[in-house]
Amino acid sequence: MADFDKAVRALYANVVTINGETAYDAGGNEVTIDMTQVNAWQDPDQYKYDRQQAYKPLAEQLDMMYWDKVHGTTTWQDHIDQVKADNPKPTE
């Protein structure tokens, strides 16, 4: 399921406060939320979070870069390319 708060704020511009699963506008009026839309919402930044989890730690990446230079290989570049291919940036 999508992050409820983030999805509601993306879908309903008039929402200023969220308490649990109830949203309110600037006047304190409850905003009716369509949970089907909220559950279907796709976070446009999800690829960034997925890439962060897939990248190897920086120390390991630096080691890969060093040994690539020593051996004339492309291990680091291959790793980065694979992470980006596995977690593509959505087209707008």
C-alpha atoms as a PDB file:
ATOM      1  CA  MET A   1       0.000   0.000   0.000  1.00  0.00           C
ATOM      2  CA  ALA A   2       1.154   3.523  -0.741  1.00  0.00           C
ATOM      3  CA  ASP A   3       2.334   5.865   2.013  1.00  0.00           C
ATOM      4  CA  PHE A   4      -1.085   7.196   3.065  1.00  0.00           C
ATOM      5  CA  ASP A   5      -0.011  10.719   4.054  1.00  0.00           C
ATOM      6  CA  LYS A   6       2.153  11.222   0.968  1.00  0.00           C
ATOM      7  CA  ALA A   7      -0.540   9.853  -1.347  1.00  0.00           C
ATOM      8  CA  VAL A   8      -3.304  11.992   0.182  1.00  0.00           C
ATOM      9  CA  ARG A   9      -1.209  15.151  -0.016  1.00  0.00           C
ATOM     10  CA  ALA A  10      -0.345  14.393  -3.650  1.00  0.00           C
ATOM     11  CA  LEU A  11      -3.952  13.662  -4.626  1.00  0.00           C
ATOM     12  CA  TYR A  12      -5.778  16.296  -2.558  1.00  0.00           C
ATOM     13  CA  ALA A  13      -4.204  19.754  -2.743  1.00  0.00           C
ATOM     14  CA  ASN A  14      -6.642  21.167  -0.188  1.00  0.00           C
ATOM     15  CA  VAL A  15      -5.532  18.828   2.616  1.00  0.00           C
ATOM     16  CA  VAL A  16      -3.443  20.565   5.272  1.00  0.00           C
ATOM     17  CA  THR A  17      -3.769  18.168   8.234  1.00  0.00           C
ATOM     18  CA  ILE A  18      -3.970  14.400   8.485  1.00  0.00           C
ATOM     19  CA  ASN A  19      -4.890  12.619  11.706  1.00  0.00           C
ATOM     20  CA  GLY A  20      -4.719   8.864  11.268  1.00  0.00           C
ATOM     21  CA  GLU A  21      -6.779   8.187   8.145  1.00  0.00           C
ATOM     22  CA  THR A  22      -8.832  11.385   8.372  1.00  0.00           C
ATOM     23  CA  ALA A  23      -7.800  14.459   6.362  1.00  0.00           C
ATOM     24  CA  TYR A  24      -8.781  18.076   6.961  1.00  0.00           C
ATOM     25  CA  ASP A  25      -8.679  21.251   4.889  1.00  0.00           C
ATOM     26  CA  ALA A  26      -7.513  24.686   6.098  1.00  0.00           C
ATOM     27  CA  GLY A  27     -10.938  25.372   7.624  1.00  0.00           C
ATOM     28  CA  GLY A  28     -10.815  22.195   9.700  1.00  0.00           C
ATOM     29  CA  ASN A  29     -13.408  20.478   7.522  1.00  0.00           C
ATOM     30  CA  GLU A  30     -13.017  16.765   6.882  1.00  0.00           C
ATOM     31  CA  VAL A  31     -11.964  15.960   3.317  1.00  0.00           C
ATOM     32  CA  THR A  32     -13.529  12.877   1.758  1.00  0.00           C
ATOM     33  CA  ILE A  33     -10.764  10.524   0.664  1.00  0.00           C
ATOM     34  CA  ASP A  34     -11.184   7.900  -2.060  1.00  0.00           C
ATOM     35  CA  MET A  35      -9.131   4.975  -0.729  1.00  0.00           C
ATOM     36  CA  THR A  36      -9.121   3.325  -4.161  1.00  0.00           C
ATOM     37  CA  GLN A  37      -7.181   6.309  -5.497  1.00  0.00           C
ATOM     38  CA  VAL A  38      -4.893   6.387  -2.477  1.00  0.00           C
ATOM     39  CA  ASN A  39      -4.085   2.677  -2.770  1.00  0.00           C
ATOM     40  CA  ALA A  40      -3.488   2.963  -6.522  1.00  0.00           C
ATOM     41  CA  TRP A  41      -1.208   6.005  -6.195  1.00  0.00           C
ATOM     42  CA  GLN A  42       2.380   5.385  -7.273  1.00  0.00           C
ATOM     43  CA  ASP A  43       5.109   7.402  -5.571  1.00  0.00           C
ATOM     44  CA  PRO A  44       7.050   9.090  -8.396  1.00  0.00           C
ATOM     45  CA  ASP A  45      10.180   8.991  -6.208  1.00  0.00           C
ATOM     46  CA  GLN A  46      10.015   5.255  -5.431  1.00  0.00           C
ATOM     47  CA  TYR A  47      12.792   4.480  -7.910  1.00  0.00           C
ATOM     48  CA  LYS A  48      15.134   6.681  -5.836  1.00  0.00           C
ATOM     49  CA  TYR A  49      14.459   4.715  -2.655  1.00  0.00           C
ATOM     50  CA  ASP A  50      14.836   1.420  -4.502  1.00  0.00           C
ATOM     51  CA  ARG A  51      18.162   2.515  -5.990  1.00  0.00           C
ATOM     52  CA  GLN A  52      19.445   3.610  -2.569  1.00  0.00           C
ATOM     53  CA  GLN A  53      18.762   0.118  -1.245  1.00  0.00           C
ATOM     54  CA  ALA A  54      20.363  -1.589  -4.267  1.00  0.00           C
ATOM     55  CA  TYR A  55      23.620   0.390  -4.405  1.00  0.00           C
ATOM     56  CA  LYS A  56      26.549  -1.216  -2.644  1.00  0.00           C
ATOM     57  CA  PRO A  57      28.041   0.763   0.284  1.00  0.00           C
ATOM     58  CA  LEU A  58      30.280   3.670  -0.784  1.00  0.00           C
ATOM     59  CA  ALA A  59      33.423   2.049   0.646  1.00  0.00           C
ATOM     60  CA  GLU A  60      32.800  -0.996  -1.528  1.00  0.00           C
ATOM     61  CA  GLN A  61      32.112   1.191  -4.560  1.00  0.00           C
ATOM     62  CA  LEU A  62      35.392   3.055  -4.019  1.00  0.00           C
ATOM     63  CA  ASP A  63      37.218  -0.261  -3.804  1.00  0.00           C
ATOM     64  CA  MET A  64      35.554  -1.348  -7.049  1.00  0.00           C
ATOM     65  CA  MET A  65      36.696   1.887  -8.723  1.00  0.00           C
ATOM     66  CA  TYR A  66      40.274   1.392  -7.506  1.00  0.00           C
ATOM     67  CA  TRP A  67      40.497  -2.175  -8.778  1.00  0.00           C
ATOM     68  CA  ASP A  68      38.813  -1.201 -12.052  1.00  0.00           C
ATOM     69  CA  LYS A  69      41.600   1.342 -12.587  1.00  0.00           C
ATOM     70  CA  VAL A  70      44.300  -1.173 -11.660  1.00  0.00           C
ATOM     71  CA  HIS A  71      42.908  -3.972 -13.857  1.00  0.00           C
ATOM     72  CA  GLY A  72      41.274  -1.913 -16.608  1.00  0.00           C
ATOM     73  CA  THR A  73      37.857  -3.397 -15.789  1.00  0.00           C
ATOM     74  CA  THR A  74      34.375  -1.873 -15.502  1.00  0.00           C
ATOM     75  CA  THR A  75      33.007  -3.606 -12.387  1.00  0.00           C
ATOM     76  CA  TRP A  76      31.848  -0.366 -10.752  1.00  0.00           C
ATOM     77  CA  GLN A  77      30.244   0.999 -13.925  1.00  0.00           C
ATOM     78  CA  ASP A  78      28.534  -2.368 -14.493  1.00  0.00           C
ATOM     79  CA  HIS A  79      27.124  -2.254 -10.945  1.00  0.00           C
ATOM     80  CA  ILE A  80      25.769   1.279 -11.367  1.00  0.00           C
ATOM     81  CA  ASP A  81      24.300   0.454 -14.794  1.00  0.00           C
ATOM     82  CA  GLN A  82      22.585  -2.648 -13.374  1.00  0.00           C
ATOM     83  CA  VAL A  83      21.039  -0.766 -10.452  1.00  0.00           C
ATOM     84  CA  LYS A  84      19.718   1.908 -12.819  1.00  0.00           C
ATOM     85  CA  ALA A  85      18.386  -0.711 -15.259  1.00  0.00           C
ATOM     86  CA  ASP A  86      16.671  -2.630 -12.438  1.00  0.00           C
ATOM     87  CA  ASN A  87      15.132   0.576 -11.006  1.00  0.00           C
ATOM     88  CA  PRO A  88      14.398   2.855 -13.966  1.00  0.00           C
ATOM     89  CA  LYS A  89      13.388   6.474 -13.584  1.00  0.00           C
ATOM     90  CA  PRO A  90       9.739   6.759 -14.624  1.00  0.00           C
ATOM     91  CA  THR A  91       9.004   8.676 -17.799  1.00  0.00           C
ATOM     92  CA  GLU A  92       6.849  11.728 -17.417  1.00  0.00           C
END
